[in-house]
Structure formats: structure tokens, C-alpha cells
């Protein structure tokens, strides 16, 4: 059984884009995080210590992606996944969906990258 905690719509301001000019200023990025872990104990005990600290996960992810500069949205998503896994040892795997409005594609509403990473 795999349980999930979803952090949807995590808004960040990041430097991302292939042209240097696109990375010159921060732009809005939205992240959706799906944390995979066993929450059965927390469901029984109603104790916050028995589940992932998803506030800490959100803070770690935001800190990492906002501090970085990325050419590719793929790299930003990978960085977010590593930060999520590093923030709480209860998280066994994470799926990250990173979404941005593409500066170089004005007729496209958004571009998204989704990846899943597991704890080694």
C-alpha cells in the first residue's frame, strides 16, 4: 500500500530558461508535489510526529529552487524532487510537476515537466 500526501500549487519565483535574458529575472513557477509514504500510523494515532513534515518539505523545495538558476525546467524539477526527499526521511518517493509559462512560445499557455524519484 502506498499512501500519498499532495502539496498542490506551490508557487515559487525562479530563474529558469535557456536564453540568458530569460534567466535574468525570476518568473513564476508552480510545483505540485506528491509525497509517497505510509501514513497508516498517523491515521491511527492522530499524531503529527507519525507523518511527514510537509511544511518542512515545502520550505526545503522552495528554498532550493528559488536559490538556483536553471536552463531547463527538467533540472528545476529534479532539484525539487531531491529537496523533497532530503527534507523528511518518511517520504519514500516523490512526484514533482513543474509548470511555467514559456517565454519563447507565446501561443502556448504553459509547459510542464513531471518526474518521479524514489529514495535510494
Protein backbone atom coordinates (compact mmCIF):
# COMPACT_ATOMS: atom_id res chain seq x y z
CA UNK A 1 0.00 0.00 0.00
CA UNK A 2 1.26 3.43 -0.90
CA UNK A 3 -0.28 6.47 0.66
CA UNK A 4 0.15 9.97 -0.71
CA UNK A 5 0.25 13.49 0.59
CA UNK A 6 -0.30 16.12 -2.10
CA UNK A 7 1.13 19.63 -1.99
CA UNK A 8 -0.57 21.37 -4.88
CA UNK A 9 0.10 24.80 -6.30
CA UNK A 10 3.37 25.59 -4.52
CA UNK A 11 4.14 28.99 -6.04
CA UNK A 12 7.80 29.93 -6.48
CA UNK A 13 9.76 32.67 -8.23
CA UNK A 14 12.67 31.07 -10.08
CA UNK A 15 15.35 31.77 -12.62
CA UNK A 16 14.71 29.32 -15.43
CA UNK A 17 15.07 29.41 -19.20
CA UNK A 18 17.55 28.64 -21.94
CA UNK A 19 18.34 32.22 -23.06
CA UNK A 20 20.40 34.19 -20.54
CA UNK A 21 17.87 37.02 -20.77
CA UNK A 22 15.06 34.73 -19.64
CA UNK A 23 17.05 33.77 -16.54
CA UNK A 24 17.89 37.43 -15.80
CA UNK A 25 14.74 37.81 -13.74
CA UNK A 26 12.69 35.47 -11.61
CA UNK A 27 9.49 34.15 -13.11
CA UNK A 28 6.54 32.34 -11.58
CA UNK A 29 6.76 28.56 -11.40
CA UNK A 30 4.08 26.34 -9.90
CA UNK A 31 5.02 22.99 -8.36
CA UNK A 32 2.77 20.10 -7.46
CA UNK A 33 4.38 17.56 -5.15
CA UNK A 34 3.06 14.07 -4.48
CA UNK A 35 4.78 12.54 -1.46
CA UNK A 36 4.60 8.76 -1.15
CA UNK A 37 4.80 7.31 2.35
CA UNK A 38 2.96 5.11 4.79
CA UNK A 39 0.52 7.25 6.78
CA UNK A 40 -1.29 4.35 8.49
CA UNK A 41 0.32 5.02 11.87
CA UNK A 42 -0.54 8.73 11.71
CA UNK A 43 -4.10 7.82 10.74
CA UNK A 44 -4.36 5.65 13.86
CA UNK A 45 -2.57 7.92 16.34
CA UNK A 46 -3.59 11.36 15.02
CA UNK A 47 -0.03 12.41 15.94
CA UNK A 48 1.85 14.82 13.68
CA UNK A 49 5.11 13.05 14.52
CA UNK A 50 3.86 9.93 12.74
CA UNK A 51 3.60 11.57 9.32
CA UNK A 52 5.86 13.57 7.04
CA UNK A 53 6.51 17.18 7.96
CA UNK A 54 5.08 18.54 4.74
CA UNK A 55 5.64 22.11 5.88
CA UNK A 56 9.36 21.33 6.06
CA UNK A 57 9.20 19.64 2.64
CA UNK A 58 7.54 22.70 1.09
CA UNK A 59 10.08 25.03 2.70
CA UNK A 60 13.06 22.93 1.56
CA UNK A 61 11.77 22.65 -2.01
CA UNK A 62 11.00 26.37 -2.28
CA UNK A 63 14.40 27.29 -0.83
CA UNK A 64 16.32 25.07 -3.27
CA UNK A 65 14.51 26.05 -6.45
CA UNK A 66 14.39 29.75 -5.66
CA UNK A 67 18.12 29.81 -4.85
CA UNK A 68 19.09 28.11 -8.11
CA UNK A 69 19.35 29.16 -11.72
CA UNK A 70 18.25 26.61 -14.30
CA UNK A 71 18.26 26.44 -18.08
CA UNK A 72 15.80 23.56 -18.12
CA UNK A 73 12.55 23.02 -16.28
CA UNK A 74 13.64 19.38 -16.09
CA UNK A 75 16.62 20.36 -13.90
CA UNK A 76 14.42 22.53 -11.68
CA UNK A 77 12.01 19.60 -11.17
CA UNK A 78 14.92 17.26 -10.35
CA UNK A 79 16.21 19.75 -7.78
CA UNK A 80 12.74 19.97 -6.22
CA UNK A 81 12.50 16.17 -6.03
CA UNK A 82 15.87 15.83 -4.31
CA UNK A 83 14.96 18.57 -1.83
CA UNK A 84 11.65 16.86 -1.02
CA UNK A 85 13.33 13.50 -0.40
CA UNK A 86 16.02 15.15 1.70
CA UNK A 87 13.60 17.09 3.85
CA UNK A 88 11.87 14.14 5.51
CA UNK A 89 13.06 10.55 5.76
CA UNK A 90 9.48 9.24 5.91
CA UNK A 91 8.98 10.21 2.26
CA UNK A 92 9.76 7.11 0.17
CA UNK A 93 9.18 8.68 -3.24
CA UNK A 94 8.06 11.97 -4.72
CA UNK A 95 6.43 13.02 -7.95
CA UNK A 96 7.09 16.62 -8.96
CA UNK A 97 5.20 18.53 -11.60
CA UNK A 98 6.79 21.87 -12.52
CA UNK A 99 4.77 24.32 -14.62
CA UNK A 100 5.77 27.60 -16.26
CA UNK A 101 4.54 29.92 -18.94
CA UNK A 102 7.00 29.54 -21.83
CA UNK A 103 8.59 32.88 -22.74
CA UNK A 104 9.71 31.58 -26.13
CA UNK A 105 6.30 30.14 -27.03
CA UNK A 106 3.76 32.98 -26.68
CA UNK A 107 0.87 30.94 -28.09
CA UNK A 108 1.35 28.14 -25.54
CA UNK A 109 -0.31 28.67 -22.18
CA UNK A 110 2.09 26.54 -20.14
CA UNK A 111 4.79 23.90 -20.26
CA UNK A 112 5.04 21.22 -17.58
CA UNK A 113 7.61 18.62 -16.63
CA UNK A 114 6.66 15.72 -14.38
CA UNK A 115 9.07 13.26 -12.84
CA UNK A 116 9.11 10.68 -10.07
CA UNK A 117 12.09 9.93 -7.85
CA UNK A 118 12.48 7.33 -5.10
CA UNK A 119 14.67 7.17 -2.06
CA UNK A 120 17.75 5.04 -2.66
